[in-house]
C-alpha cells in the first residue's frame, strides 16, 4: 500500500503462516511503522506519517478485533547485575509452559 506497511503472521501448529499485509485502516499510502501490542493483546500501537497528523511520525492505536485479541504476550525488561559489583552479568532466561513445565524457548543475554 505505502512505502512501509505492517504485516501479520500467525503461529498455527508450530508453523508460521505467510505474512499478510494488515491493510486499511492500519496501512495507508504513507509510511506505517513499528506495530506493538499491549500485553493482553487487545490494543495495538503504531506510528505513521499519514496526512492529518501533527508531526513527522505520529502515534496511532487500534482496538484489536475480538478474534485476534487473545494473543499471549509477555514483556520482560530490566538488567541483570551482580549484587556485589553492580556490573552486568551474562544471563539465560527460559520460557516455560506453566501447565506442562516444558521449556518453550531459551534466551541467552551476553554482557553488553
PDB file of N, CA and C in Angstrom:
ATOM      1  N   UNK A   1       0.828  -1.190   0.000  1.00  0.00           N
ATOM      2  CA  UNK A   1       0.000   0.000   0.000  1.00  0.00           C
ATOM      3  C   UNK A   1       0.866   1.246   0.000  1.00  0.00           C
ATOM      4  N   UNK A   2       1.729   1.356   1.023  1.00  0.00           N
ATOM      5  CA  UNK A   2       2.566   2.548   1.134  1.00  0.00           C
ATOM      6  C   UNK A   2       4.034   2.190   1.095  1.00  0.00           C
ATOM      7  N   UNK A   3       4.866   3.152   1.472  1.00  0.00           N
ATOM      8  CA  UNK A   3       6.302   2.902   1.482  1.00  0.00           C
ATOM      9  C   UNK A   3       6.695   1.848   2.502  1.00  0.00           C
ATOM     10  N   UNK A   4       6.046   1.862   3.661  1.00  0.00           N
ATOM     11  CA  UNK A   4       6.271   0.856   4.709  1.00  0.00           C
ATOM     12  C   UNK A   4       4.913   0.427   5.219  1.00  0.00           C
ATOM     13  N   UNK A   5       4.730  -0.856   5.369  1.00  0.00           N
ATOM     14  CA  UNK A   5       3.454  -1.385   5.836  1.00  0.00           C
ATOM     15  C   UNK A   5       3.673  -2.347   6.996  1.00  0.00           C
ATOM     16  N   UNK A   6       2.596  -2.635   7.691  1.00  0.00           N
ATOM     17  CA  UNK A   6       2.616  -3.557   8.823  1.00  0.00           C
ATOM     18  C   UNK A   6       1.955  -4.859   8.380  1.00  0.00           C
ATOM     19  N   UNK A   7       2.615  -5.975   8.688  1.00  0.00           N
ATOM     20  CA  UNK A   7       2.149  -7.303   8.298  1.00  0.00           C
ATOM     21  C   UNK A   7       1.870  -8.132   9.543  1.00  0.00           C
ATOM     22  N   UNK A   8       1.128  -9.216   9.376  1.00  0.00           N
ATOM     23  CA  UNK A   8       0.908 -10.151  10.475  1.00  0.00           C
ATOM     24  C   UNK A   8       1.144 -11.571   9.997  1.00  0.00           C
ATOM     25  N   UNK A   9       1.552 -12.410  10.924  1.00  0.00           N
ATOM     26  CA  UNK A   9       1.730 -13.825  10.680  1.00  0.00           C
ATOM     27  C   UNK A   9       1.253 -14.541  11.938  1.00  0.00           C
ATOM     28  N   UNK A  10       0.654 -15.700  11.783  1.00  0.00           N
ATOM     29  CA  UNK A  10       0.120 -16.443  12.928  1.00  0.00           C
ATOM     30  C   UNK A  10       0.847 -17.769  13.073  1.00  0.00           C
ATOM     31  N   UNK A  11       1.050 -18.179  14.323  1.00  0.00           N
ATOM     32  CA  UNK A  11       1.649 -19.474  14.630  1.00  0.00           C
ATOM     33  C   UNK A  11       0.521 -20.497  14.758  1.00  0.00           C
ATOM     34  N   UNK A  12       0.476 -21.426  13.813  1.00  0.00           N
ATOM     35  CA  UNK A  12      -0.566 -22.461  13.813  1.00  0.00           C
ATOM     36  C   UNK A  12       0.118 -23.823  13.776  1.00  0.00           C
ATOM     37  N   UNK A  13      -0.089 -24.601  14.831  1.00  0.00           N
ATOM     38  CA  UNK A  13       0.507 -25.943  14.932  1.00  0.00           C
ATOM     39  C   UNK A  13       2.021 -25.920  14.683  1.00  0.00           C
ATOM     40  N   UNK A  14       2.712 -25.057  15.364  1.00  0.00           N
ATOM     41  CA  UNK A  14       4.177 -24.905  15.324  1.00  0.00           C
ATOM     42  C   UNK A  14       4.720 -24.349  14.010  1.00  0.00           C
ATOM     43  N   UNK A  15       3.854 -23.879  13.098  1.00  0.00           N
ATOM     44  CA  UNK A  15       4.323 -23.290  11.844  1.00  0.00           C
ATOM     45  C   UNK A  15       3.720 -21.901  11.672  1.00  0.00           C
ATOM     46  N   UNK A  16       4.531 -20.970  11.162  1.00  0.00           N
ATOM     47  CA  UNK A  16       4.076 -19.611  10.913  1.00  0.00           C
ATOM     48  C   UNK A  16       3.406 -19.522   9.555  1.00  0.00           C
ATOM     49  N   UNK A  17       2.285 -18.798   9.500  1.00  0.00           N
ATOM     50  CA  UNK A  17       1.611 -18.564   8.229  1.00  0.00           C
ATOM     51  C   UNK A  17       2.397 -17.527   7.427  1.00  0.00           C
ATOM     52  N   UNK A  18       2.114 -17.452   6.147  1.00  0.00           N
ATOM     53  CA  UNK A  18       2.742 -16.460   5.283  1.00  0.00           C
ATOM     54  C   UNK A  18       2.342 -15.064   5.777  1.00  0.00           C
ATOM     55  N   UNK A  19       3.300 -14.130   5.917  1.00  0.00           N
ATOM     56  CA  UNK A  19       2.958 -12.774   6.360  1.00  0.00           C
ATOM     57  C   UNK A  19       1.942 -12.125   5.420  1.00  0.00           C
ATOM     58  N   UNK A  20       0.932 -11.488   6.014  1.00  0.00           N
ATOM     59  CA  UNK A  20      -0.106 -10.817   5.245  1.00  0.00           C
ATOM     60  C   UNK A  20      -0.173  -9.352   5.623  1.00  0.00           C
ATOM     61  N   UNK A  21      -0.317  -8.494   4.630  1.00  0.00           N
ATOM     62  CA  UNK A  21      -0.477  -7.067   4.857  1.00  0.00           C
ATOM     63  C   UNK A  21      -1.767  -6.852   5.637  1.00  0.00           C
ATOM     64  N   UNK A  22      -1.711  -6.063   6.726  1.00  0.00           N
ATOM     65  CA  UNK A  22      -2.889  -5.847   7.566  1.00  0.00           C
ATOM     66  C   UNK A  22      -3.907  -4.899   6.926  1.00  0.00           C
ATOM     67  N   UNK A  23      -3.538  -4.264   5.813  1.00  0.00           N
ATOM     68  CA  UNK A  23      -4.493  -3.465   5.053  1.00  0.00           C
ATOM     69  C   UNK A  23      -4.972  -2.206   5.763  1.00  0.00           C
ATOM     70  N   UNK A  24      -5.920  -1.531   5.115  1.00  0.00           N
ATOM     71  CA  UNK A  24      -6.516  -0.314   5.643  1.00  0.00           C
ATOM     72  C   UNK A  24      -7.479  -0.673   6.764  1.00  0.00           C
ATOM     73  N   UNK A  25      -7.596   0.045   7.863  1.00  0.00           N
ATOM     74  CA  UNK A  25      -7.076   1.376   8.127  1.00  0.00           C
ATOM     75  C   UNK A  25      -5.704   1.415   8.795  1.00  0.00           C
ATOM     76  N   UNK A  26      -5.093   0.249   9.048  1.00  0.00           N
ATOM     77  CA  UNK A  26      -3.764   0.265   9.663  1.00  0.00           C
ATOM     78  C   UNK A  26      -2.740   0.788   8.665  1.00  0.00           C
ATOM     79  N   UNK A  27      -2.704   0.199   7.496  1.00  0.00           N
ATOM     80  CA  UNK A  27      -1.764   0.631   6.460  1.00  0.00           C
ATOM     81  C   UNK A  27      -2.449   1.612   5.512  1.00  0.00           C
ATOM     82  N   UNK A  28      -1.688   2.620   5.136  1.00  0.00           N
ATOM     83  CA  UNK A  28      -2.179   3.622   4.192  1.00  0.00           C
ATOM     84  C   UNK A  28      -1.116   3.797   3.117  1.00  0.00           C
ATOM     85  N   UNK A  29      -1.273   4.793   2.291  1.00  0.00           N
ATOM     86  CA  UNK A  29      -0.260   5.071   1.272  1.00  0.00           C
ATOM     87  C   UNK A  29       0.956   5.750   1.881  1.00  0.00           C
ATOM     88  N   UNK A  30       0.889   6.102   3.172  1.00  0.00           N
ATOM     89  CA  UNK A  30       2.023   6.709   3.887  1.00  0.00           C
ATOM     90  C   UNK A  30       2.908   5.593   4.459  1.00  0.00           C
ATOM     91  N   UNK A  31       3.869   5.972   5.290  1.00  0.00           N
ATOM     92  CA  UNK A  31       4.752   5.009   5.959  1.00  0.00           C
ATOM     93  C   UNK A  31       4.164   4.671   7.326  1.00  0.00           C
ATOM     94  N   UNK A  32       3.757   3.431   7.506  1.00  0.00           N
ATOM     95  CA  UNK A  32       3.173   2.947   8.749  1.00  0.00           C
ATOM     96  C   UNK A  32       4.158   1.956   9.366  1.00  0.00           C
ATOM     97  N   UNK A  33       4.589   2.231  10.603  1.00  0.00           N
ATOM     98  CA  UNK A  33       5.725   1.521  11.199  1.00  0.00           C
ATOM     99  C   UNK A  33       5.469   1.076  12.637  1.00  0.00           C
ATOM    100  N   UNK A  34       6.324   0.163  13.081  1.00  0.00           N
ATOM    101  CA  UNK A  34       6.553  -0.140  14.499  1.00  0.00           C
ATOM    102  C   UNK A  34       5.312  -0.588  15.259  1.00  0.00           C
ATOM    103  N   UNK A  35       4.572  -1.518  14.718  1.00  0.00           N
ATOM    104  CA  UNK A  35       3.371  -2.034  15.378  1.00  0.00           C
ATOM    105  C   UNK A  35       3.756  -2.766  16.654  1.00  0.00           C
ATOM    106  N   UNK A  36       3.066  -2.448  17.756  1.00  0.00           N
ATOM    107  CA  UNK A  36       3.318  -3.075  19.049  1.00  0.00           C
ATOM    108  C   UNK A  36       1.997  -3.342  19.750  1.00  0.00           C
ATOM    109  N   UNK A  37       1.821  -4.550  20.262  1.00  0.00           N
ATOM    110  CA  UNK A  37       0.626  -4.896  21.031  1.00  0.00           C
ATOM    111  C   UNK A  37       0.848  -4.639  22.510  1.00  0.00           C
ATOM    112  N   UNK A  38      -0.232  -4.292  23.231  1.00  0.00           N
ATOM    113  CA  UNK A  38      -0.131  -4.262  24.685  1.00  0.00           C
ATOM    114  C   UNK A  38      -0.193  -5.706  25.178  1.00  0.00           C
ATOM    115  N   UNK A  39       0.130  -5.914  26.436  1.00  0.00           N
ATOM    116  CA  UNK A  39       0.325  -7.267  26.975  1.00  0.00           C
ATOM    117  C   UNK A  39      -0.884  -8.182  26.815  1.00  0.00           C
ATOM    118  N   UNK A  40      -2.098  -7.654  26.933  1.00  0.00           N
ATOM    119  CA  UNK A  40      -3.260  -8.549  26.824  1.00  0.00           C
ATOM    120  C   UNK A  40      -3.747  -8.727  25.388  1.00  0.00           C
ATOM    121  N   UNK A  41      -3.070  -8.103  24.424  1.00  0.00           N
ATOM    122  CA  UNK A  41      -3.387  -8.300  23.015  1.00  0.00           C
ATOM    123  C   UNK A  41      -4.634  -7.576  22.524  1.00  0.00           C
ATOM    124  N   UNK A  42      -5.230  -6.709  23.338  1.00  0.00           N
ATOM    125  CA  UNK A  42      -6.481  -6.057  22.947  1.00  0.00           C
ATOM    126  C   UNK A  42      -6.291  -4.756  22.173  1.00  0.00           C
ATOM    127  N   UNK A  43      -5.107  -4.160  22.234  1.00  0.00           N
ATOM    128  CA  UNK A  43      -4.870  -2.894  21.549  1.00  0.00           C
ATOM    129  C   UNK A  43      -3.470  -2.900  20.947  1.00  0.00           C
ATOM    130  N   UNK A  44      -3.356  -2.299  19.767  1.00  0.00           N
ATOM    131  CA  UNK A  44      -2.065  -2.163  19.106  1.00  0.00           C
ATOM    132  C   UNK A  44      -1.744  -0.697  18.872  1.00  0.00           C
ATOM    133  N   UNK A  45      -0.462  -0.365  18.947  1.00  0.00           N
ATOM    134  CA  UNK A  45       0.007   0.989  18.673  1.00  0.00           C
ATOM    135  C   UNK A  45       0.975   0.938  17.502  1.00  0.00           C
ATOM    136  N   UNK A  46       1.007   1.996  16.707  1.00  0.00           N
ATOM    137  CA  UNK A  46       1.938   2.092  15.590  1.00  0.00           C
ATOM    138  C   UNK A  46       2.175   3.559  15.271  1.00  0.00           C
ATOM    139  N   UNK A  47       3.219   3.838  14.505  1.00  0.00           N
ATOM    140  CA  UNK A  47       3.479   5.213  14.089  1.00  0.00           C
ATOM    141  C   UNK A  47       3.258   5.330  12.592  1.00  0.00           C
ATOM    142  N   UNK A  48       2.944   6.548  12.173  1.00  0.00           N
ATOM    143  CA  UNK A  48       2.675   6.787  10.759  1.00  0.00           C
ATOM    144  C   UNK A  48       2.911   8.259  10.436  1.00  0.00           C
ATOM    145  N   UNK A  49       3.329   8.494   9.193  1.00  0.00           N
ATOM    146  CA  UNK A  49       3.439   9.874   8.723  1.00  0.00           C
ATOM    147  C   UNK A  49       2.270  10.216   7.784  1.00  0.00           C
ATOM    148  N   UNK A  50       1.127   9.587   8.029  1.00  0.00           N
ATOM    149  CA  UNK A  50      -0.066   9.815   7.199  1.00  0.00           C
ATOM    150  C   UNK A  50      -0.570  11.248   7.327  1.00  0.00           C
ATOM    151  N   UNK A  51      -1.366  11.663   6.353  1.00  0.00           N
ATOM    152  CA  UNK A  51      -1.947  13.005   6.347  1.00  0.00           C
ATOM    153  C   UNK A  51      -2.854  13.181   7.551  1.00  0.00           C
ATOM    154  N   UNK A  52      -2.886  14.409   8.069  1.00  0.00           N
ATOM    155  CA  UNK A  52      -3.755  14.726   9.194  1.00  0.00           C
ATOM    156  C   UNK A  52      -3.065  14.609  10.540  1.00  0.00           C
ATOM    157  N   UNK A  53      -1.802  14.200  10.563  1.00  0.00           N
ATOM    158  CA  UNK A  53      -1.066  14.096  11.816  1.00  0.00           C
ATOM    159  C   UNK A  53      -0.549  15.440  12.275  1.00  0.00           C
ATOM    160  N   UNK A  54       0.119  15.437  13.410  1.00  0.00           N
ATOM    161  CA  UNK A  54       0.635  16.673  13.987  1.00  0.00           C
ATOM    162  C   UNK A  54       2.134  16.839  13.825  1.00  0.00           C
ATOM    163  N   UNK A  55       2.820  15.781  13.374  1.00  0.00           N
ATOM    164  CA  UNK A  55       4.271  15.853  13.242  1.00  0.00           C
ATOM    165  C   UNK A  55       4.740  14.909  12.158  1.00  0.00           C
ATOM    166  N   UNK A  56       6.042  14.626  12.173  1.00  0.00           N
ATOM    167  CA  UNK A  56       6.613  13.760  11.140  1.00  0.00           C
ATOM    168  C   UNK A  56       6.105  12.325  11.276  1.00  0.00           C
ATOM    169  N   UNK A  57       6.144  11.768  12.474  1.00  0.00           N
ATOM    170  CA  UNK A  57       5.617  10.423  12.759  1.00  0.00           C
ATOM    171  C   UNK A  57       4.729  10.553  13.991  1.00  0.00           C
ATOM    172  N   UNK A  58       3.458  10.273  13.838  1.00  0.00           N
ATOM    173  CA  UNK A  58       2.519  10.342  14.953  1.00  0.00           C
ATOM    174  C   UNK A  58       2.171   8.933  15.412  1.00  0.00           C
ATOM    175  N   UNK A  59       1.754   8.810  16.673  1.00  0.00           N
ATOM    176  CA  UNK A  59       1.401   7.512  17.241  1.00  0.00           C
ATOM    177  C   UNK A  59      -0.112   7.333  17.157  1.00  0.00           C
ATOM    178  N   UNK A  60      -0.511   6.196  16.615  1.00  0.00           N
ATOM    179  CA  UNK A  60      -1.917   5.845  16.479  1.00  0.00           C
ATOM    180  C   UNK A  60      -2.158   4.536  17.220  1.00  0.00           C
ATOM    181  N   UNK A  61      -3.434   4.256  17.528  1.00  0.00           N
ATOM    182  CA  UNK A  61      -3.769   2.973  18.134  1.00  0.00           C
ATOM    183  C   UNK A  61      -5.003   2.396  17.472  1.00  0.00           C
ATOM    184  N   UNK A  62      -5.179   1.099  17.646  1.00  0.00           N
ATOM    185  CA  UNK A  62      -6.398   0.442  17.205  1.00  0.00           C
ATOM    186  C   UNK A  62      -6.742  -0.635  18.208  1.00  0.00           C
ATOM    187  N   UNK A  63      -8.035  -0.826  18.413  1.00  0.00           N
ATOM    188  CA  UNK A  63      -8.511  -1.932  19.239  1.00  0.00           C
ATOM    189  C   UNK A  63      -8.572  -3.158  18.345  1.00  0.00           C
ATOM    190  N   UNK A  64      -7.958  -4.233  18.811  1.00  0.00           N
ATOM    191  CA  UNK A  64      -7.891  -5.450  18.013  1.00  0.00           C
ATOM    192  C   UNK A  64      -9.269  -6.107  17.934  1.00  0.00           C
ATOM    193  N   UNK A  65      -9.589  -6.726  16.799  1.00  0.00           N
ATOM    194  CA  UNK A  65     -10.853  -7.469  16.706  1.00  0.00           C
ATOM    195  C   UNK A  65     -10.884  -8.580  17.754  1.00  0.00           C
ATOM    196  N   UNK A  66     -12.074  -8.929  18.213  1.00  0.00           N
ATOM    197  CA  UNK A  66     -12.214  -9.922  19.287  1.00  0.00           C
ATOM    198  C   UNK A  66     -11.529 -11.234  18.951  1.00  0.00           C
ATOM    199  N   UNK A  67     -11.575 -11.671  17.691  1.00  0.00           N
ATOM    200  CA  UNK A  67     -10.958 -12.950  17.337  1.00  0.00           C
ATOM    201  C   UNK A  67      -9.432 -12.870  17.275  1.00  0.00           C
ATOM    202  N   UNK A  68      -8.869 -11.674  17.341  1.00  0.00           N
ATOM    203  CA  UNK A  68      -7.418 -11.516  17.292  1.00  0.00           C
ATOM    204  C   UNK A  68      -6.860 -10.954  18.603  1.00  0.00           C
ATOM    205  N   UNK A  69      -7.730 -10.704  19.573  1.00  0.00           N
ATOM    206  CA  UNK A  69      -7.317 -10.016  20.790  1.00  0.00           C
ATOM    207  C   UNK A  69      -6.870 -10.939  21.915  1.00  0.00           C
ATOM    208  N   UNK A  70      -6.662 -12.203  21.640  1.00  0.00           N
ATOM    209  CA  UNK A  70      -6.249 -13.128  22.698  1.00  0.00           C
ATOM    210  C   UNK A  70      -4.822 -13.612  22.485  1.00  0.00           C
ATOM    211  N   UNK A  71      -3.993 -12.758  21.956  1.00  0.00           N
ATOM    212  CA  UNK A  71      -2.609 -13.112  21.672  1.00  0.00           C
ATOM    213  C   UNK A  71      -1.820 -13.095  22.980  1.00  0.00           C
ATOM    214  N   UNK A  72      -1.273 -14.236  23.396  1.00  0.00           N
ATOM    215  CA  UNK A  72      -0.488 -14.232  24.630  1.00  0.00           C
ATOM    216  C   UNK A  72       0.826 -13.478  24.416  1.00  0.00           C
ATOM    217  N   UNK A  73       1.122 -12.561  25.298  1.00  0.00           N
ATOM    218  CA  UNK A  73       2.308 -11.733  25.154  1.00  0.00           C
ATOM    219  C   UNK A  73       2.885 -11.446  26.529  1.00  0.00           C
ATOM    220  N   UNK A  74       4.170 -11.606  26.656  1.00  0.00           N
ATOM    221  CA  UNK A  74       4.851 -11.270  27.891  1.00  0.00           C
ATOM    222  C   UNK A  74       6.058 -10.433  27.541  1.00  0.00           C
ATOM    223  N   UNK A  75       6.233  -9.336  28.251  1.00  0.00           N
ATOM    224  CA  UNK A  75       7.387  -8.494  28.016  1.00  0.00           C
ATOM    225  C   UNK A  75       8.199  -8.422  29.302  1.00  0.00           C
ATOM    226  N   UNK A  76       9.480  -8.678  29.166  1.00  0.00           N
ATOM    227  CA  UNK A  76      10.380  -8.610  30.308  1.00  0.00           C
ATOM    228  C   UNK A  76      11.436  -7.570  29.983  1.00  0.00           C
ATOM    229  N   UNK A  77      11.615  -6.629  30.885  1.00  0.00           N
ATOM    230  CA  UNK A  77      12.595  -5.578  30.656  1.00  0.00           C
ATOM    231  C   UNK A  77      13.349  -5.339  31.952  1.00  0.00           C
ATOM    232  N   UNK A  78      14.640  -5.203  31.839  1.00  0.00           N
ATOM    233  CA  UNK A  78      15.436  -4.936  33.019  1.00  0.00           C
ATOM    234  C   UNK A  78      16.893  -5.263  32.787  1.00  0.00           C
ATOM    235  N   UNK A  79      17.671  -5.190  33.842  1.00  0.00           N
ATOM    236  CA  UNK A  79      19.091  -5.515  33.781  1.00  0.00           C
ATOM    237  C   UNK A  79      19.398  -6.556  34.841  1.00  0.00           C
ATOM    238  N   UNK A  80      20.230  -7.508  34.485  1.00  0.00           N
ATOM    239  CA  UNK A  80      20.704  -8.493  35.450  1.00  0.00           C
ATOM    240  C   UNK A  80      22.118  -8.073  35.825  1.00  0.00           C
ATOM    241  N   UNK A  81      22.293  -7.730  37.085  1.00  0.00           N
ATOM    242  CA  UNK A  81      23.601  -7.258  37.538  1.00  0.00           C
ATOM    243  C   UNK A  81      24.069  -8.066  38.739  1.00  0.00           C
ATOM    244  N   UNK A  82      25.368  -8.117  38.895  1.00  0.00           N
ATOM    245  CA  UNK A  82      25.979  -8.740  40.060  1.00  0.00           C
ATOM    246  C   UNK A  82      25.625  -7.906  41.286  1.00  0.00           C
ATOM    247  N   UNK A  83      25.070  -8.546  42.303  1.00  0.00           N
ATOM    248  CA  UNK A  83      24.642  -7.840  43.508  1.00  0.00           C
ATOM    249  C   UNK A  83      25.765  -7.165  44.263  1.00  0.00           C
ATOM    250  N   UNK A  84      26.974  -7.669  44.136  1.00  0.00           N
ATOM    251  CA  UNK A  84      28.102  -7.090  44.860  1.00  0.00           C
ATOM    252  C   UNK A  84      28.800  -5.990  44.074  1.00  0.00           C
ATOM    253  N   UNK A  85      28.967  -6.216  42.762  1.00  0.00           N
ATOM    254  CA  UNK A  85      29.729  -5.257  41.960  1.00  0.00           C
ATOM    255  C   UNK A  85      28.845  -4.287  41.186  1.00  0.00           C
ATOM    256  N   UNK A  86      27.585  -4.650  40.975  1.00  0.00           N
ATOM    257  CA  UNK A  86      26.696  -3.813  40.180  1.00  0.00           C
ATOM    258  C   UNK A  86      26.956  -3.906  38.685  1.00  0.00           C
ATOM    259  N   UNK A  87      27.879  -4.800  38.280  1.00  0.00           N
ATOM    260  CA  UNK A  87      28.214  -4.942  36.862  1.00  0.00           C
ATOM    261  C   UNK A  87      27.270  -5.951  36.199  1.00  0.00           C
ATOM    262  N   UNK A  88      26.964  -5.724  34.891  1.00  0.00           N
ATOM    263  CA  UNK A  88      26.095  -6.659  34.172  1.00  0.00           C
ATOM    264  C   UNK A  88      26.675  -8.071  34.153  1.00  0.00           C
ATOM    265  N   UNK A  89      25.760  -9.048  34.158  1.00  0.00           N
ATOM    266  CA  UNK A  89      26.166 -10.453  34.136  1.00  0.00           C
ATOM    267  C   UNK A  89      25.541 -11.145  32.937  1.00  0.00           C
ATOM    268  N   UNK A  90      26.255 -12.105  32.324  1.00  0.00           N
ATOM    269  CA  UNK A  90      25.613 -12.909  31.281  1.00  0.00           C
ATOM    270  C   UNK A  90      24.458 -13.683  31.910  1.00  0.00           C
ATOM    271  N   UNK A  91      23.377 -13.830  31.153  1.00  0.00           N
ATOM    272  CA  UNK A  91      22.150 -14.383  31.720  1.00  0.00           C
ATOM    273  C   UNK A  91      21.483 -15.337  30.740  1.00  0.00           C
ATOM    274  N   UNK A  92      20.804 -16.339  31.259  1.00  0.00           N
ATOM    275  CA  UNK A  92      19.945 -17.210  30.468  1.00  0.00           C
ATOM    276  C   UNK A  92      18.534 -17.082  31.024  1.00  0.00           C
ATOM    277  N   UNK A  93      17.570 -16.903  30.129  1.00  0.00           N
ATOM    278  CA  UNK A  93      16.169 -16.843  30.534  1.00  0.00           C
ATOM    279  C   UNK A  93      15.425 -17.947  29.801  1.00  0.00           C
ATOM    280  N   UNK A  94      14.606 -18.669  30.520  1.00  0.00           N
ATOM    281  CA  UNK A  94      13.824 -19.759  29.950  1.00  0.00           C
ATOM    282  C   UNK A  94      12.346 -19.368  29.940  1.00  0.00           C
ATOM    283  N   UNK A  95      11.658 -19.687  28.853  1.00  0.00           N
ATOM    284  CA  UNK A  95      10.211 -19.544  28.790  1.00  0.00           C
ATOM    285  C   UNK A  95       9.658 -20.945  28.952  1.00  0.00           C
ATOM    286  N   UNK A  96       8.868 -21.140  30.034  1.00  0.00           N
ATOM    287  CA  UNK A  96       8.387 -22.471  30.401  1.00  0.00           C
ATOM    288  C   UNK A  96       6.864 -22.470  30.436  1.00  0.00           C
ATOM    289  N   UNK A  97       6.255 -23.475  29.822  1.00  0.00           N
ATOM    290  CA  UNK A  97       4.810 -23.646  29.879  1.00  0.00           C
ATOM    291  C   UNK A  97       4.442 -23.999  31.313  1.00  0.00           C
ATOM    292  N   UNK A  98       3.605 -23.175  31.944  1.00  0.00           N
ATOM    293  CA  UNK A  98       3.317 -23.393  33.370  1.00  0.00           C
ATOM    294  C   UNK A  98       2.518 -24.667  33.621  1.00  0.00           C
ATOM    295  N   UNK A  99       1.774 -25.150  32.617  1.00  0.00           N
ATOM    296  CA  UNK A  99       0.994 -26.373  32.811  1.00  0.00           C
ATOM    297  C   UNK A  99       1.822 -27.631  32.596  1.00  0.00           C
ATOM    298  N   UNK A 100       2.607 -27.658  31.523  1.00  0.00           N
ATOM    299  CA  UNK A 100       3.378 -28.866  31.199  1.00  0.00           C
ATOM    300  C   UNK A 100       4.804 -28.808  31.734  1.00  0.00           C
ATOM    301  N   UNK A 101       5.242 -27.632  32.146  1.00  0.00           N
ATOM    302  CA  UNK A 101       6.611 -27.375  32.622  1.00  0.00           C
ATOM    303  C   UNK A 101       7.652 -27.631  31.534  1.00  0.00           C
ATOM    304  N   UNK A 102       7.210 -27.646  30.294  1.00  0.00           N
ATOM    305  CA  UNK A 102       8.105 -27.838  29.151  1.00  0.00           C
ATOM    306  C   UNK A 102       8.747 -26.509  28.788  1.00  0.00           C
ATOM    307  N   UNK A 103      10.070 -26.508  28.525  1.00  0.00           N
ATOM    308  CA  UNK A 103      10.773 -25.303  28.094  1.00  0.00           C
ATOM    309  C   UNK A 103      10.401 -25.000  26.644  1.00  0.00           C
ATOM    310  N   UNK A 104       9.875 -23.793  26.406  1.00  0.00           N
ATOM    311  CA  UNK A 104       9.453 -23.393  25.073  1.00  0.00           C
ATOM    312  C   UNK A 104      10.542 -22.625  24.350  1.00  0.00           C
ATOM    313  N   UNK A 105      11.306 -21.835  25.079  1.00  0.00           N
ATOM    314  CA  UNK A 105      12.375 -21.029  24.480  1.00  0.00           C
ATOM    315  C   UNK A 105      13.473 -20.787  25.496  1.00  0.00           C
ATOM    316  N   UNK A 106      14.642 -20.519  24.966  1.00  0.00           N
ATOM    317  CA  UNK A 106      15.783 -20.145  25.798  1.00  0.00           C
ATOM    318  C   UNK A 106      16.404 -18.902  25.175  1.00  0.00           C
ATOM    319  N   UNK A 107      16.633 -17.904  25.980  1.00  0.00           N
ATOM    320  CA  UNK A 107      17.273 -16.677  25.524  1.00  0.00           C
ATOM    321  C   UNK A 107      18.578 -16.512  26.289  1.00  0.00           C
ATOM    322  N   UNK A 108      19.658 -16.308  25.570  1.00  0.00           N
ATOM    323  CA  UNK A 108      20.945 -16.052  26.196  1.00  0.00           C
ATOM    324  C   UNK A 108      21.274 -14.584  25.991  1.00  0.00           C
ATOM    325  N   UNK A 109      21.494 -13.895  27.077  1.00  0.00           N
ATOM    326  CA  UNK A 109      21.789 -12.462  27.009  1.00  0.00           C
ATOM    327  C   UNK A 109      23.254 -12.254  27.380  1.00  0.00           C
ATOM    328  N   UNK A 110      24.102 -11.886  26.417  1.00  0.00           N
ATOM    329  CA  UNK A 110      25.508 -11.673  26.710  1.00  0.00           C
ATOM    330  C   UNK A 110      25.714 -10.326  27.417  1.00  0.00           C
ATOM    331  N   UNK A 111      26.884 -10.153  27.950  1.00  0.00           N
ATOM    332  CA  UNK A 111      27.228  -8.865  28.556  1.00  0.00           C
ATOM    333  C   UNK A 111      27.419  -7.855  27.436  1.00  0.00           C
ATOM    334  N   UNK A 112      26.841  -6.680  27.621  1.00  0.00           N
ATOM    335  CA  UNK A 112      26.971  -5.626  26.594  1.00  0.00           C
ATOM    336  C   UNK A 112      27.957  -4.575  27.024  1.00  0.00           C
TER     337      UNK A 112
END
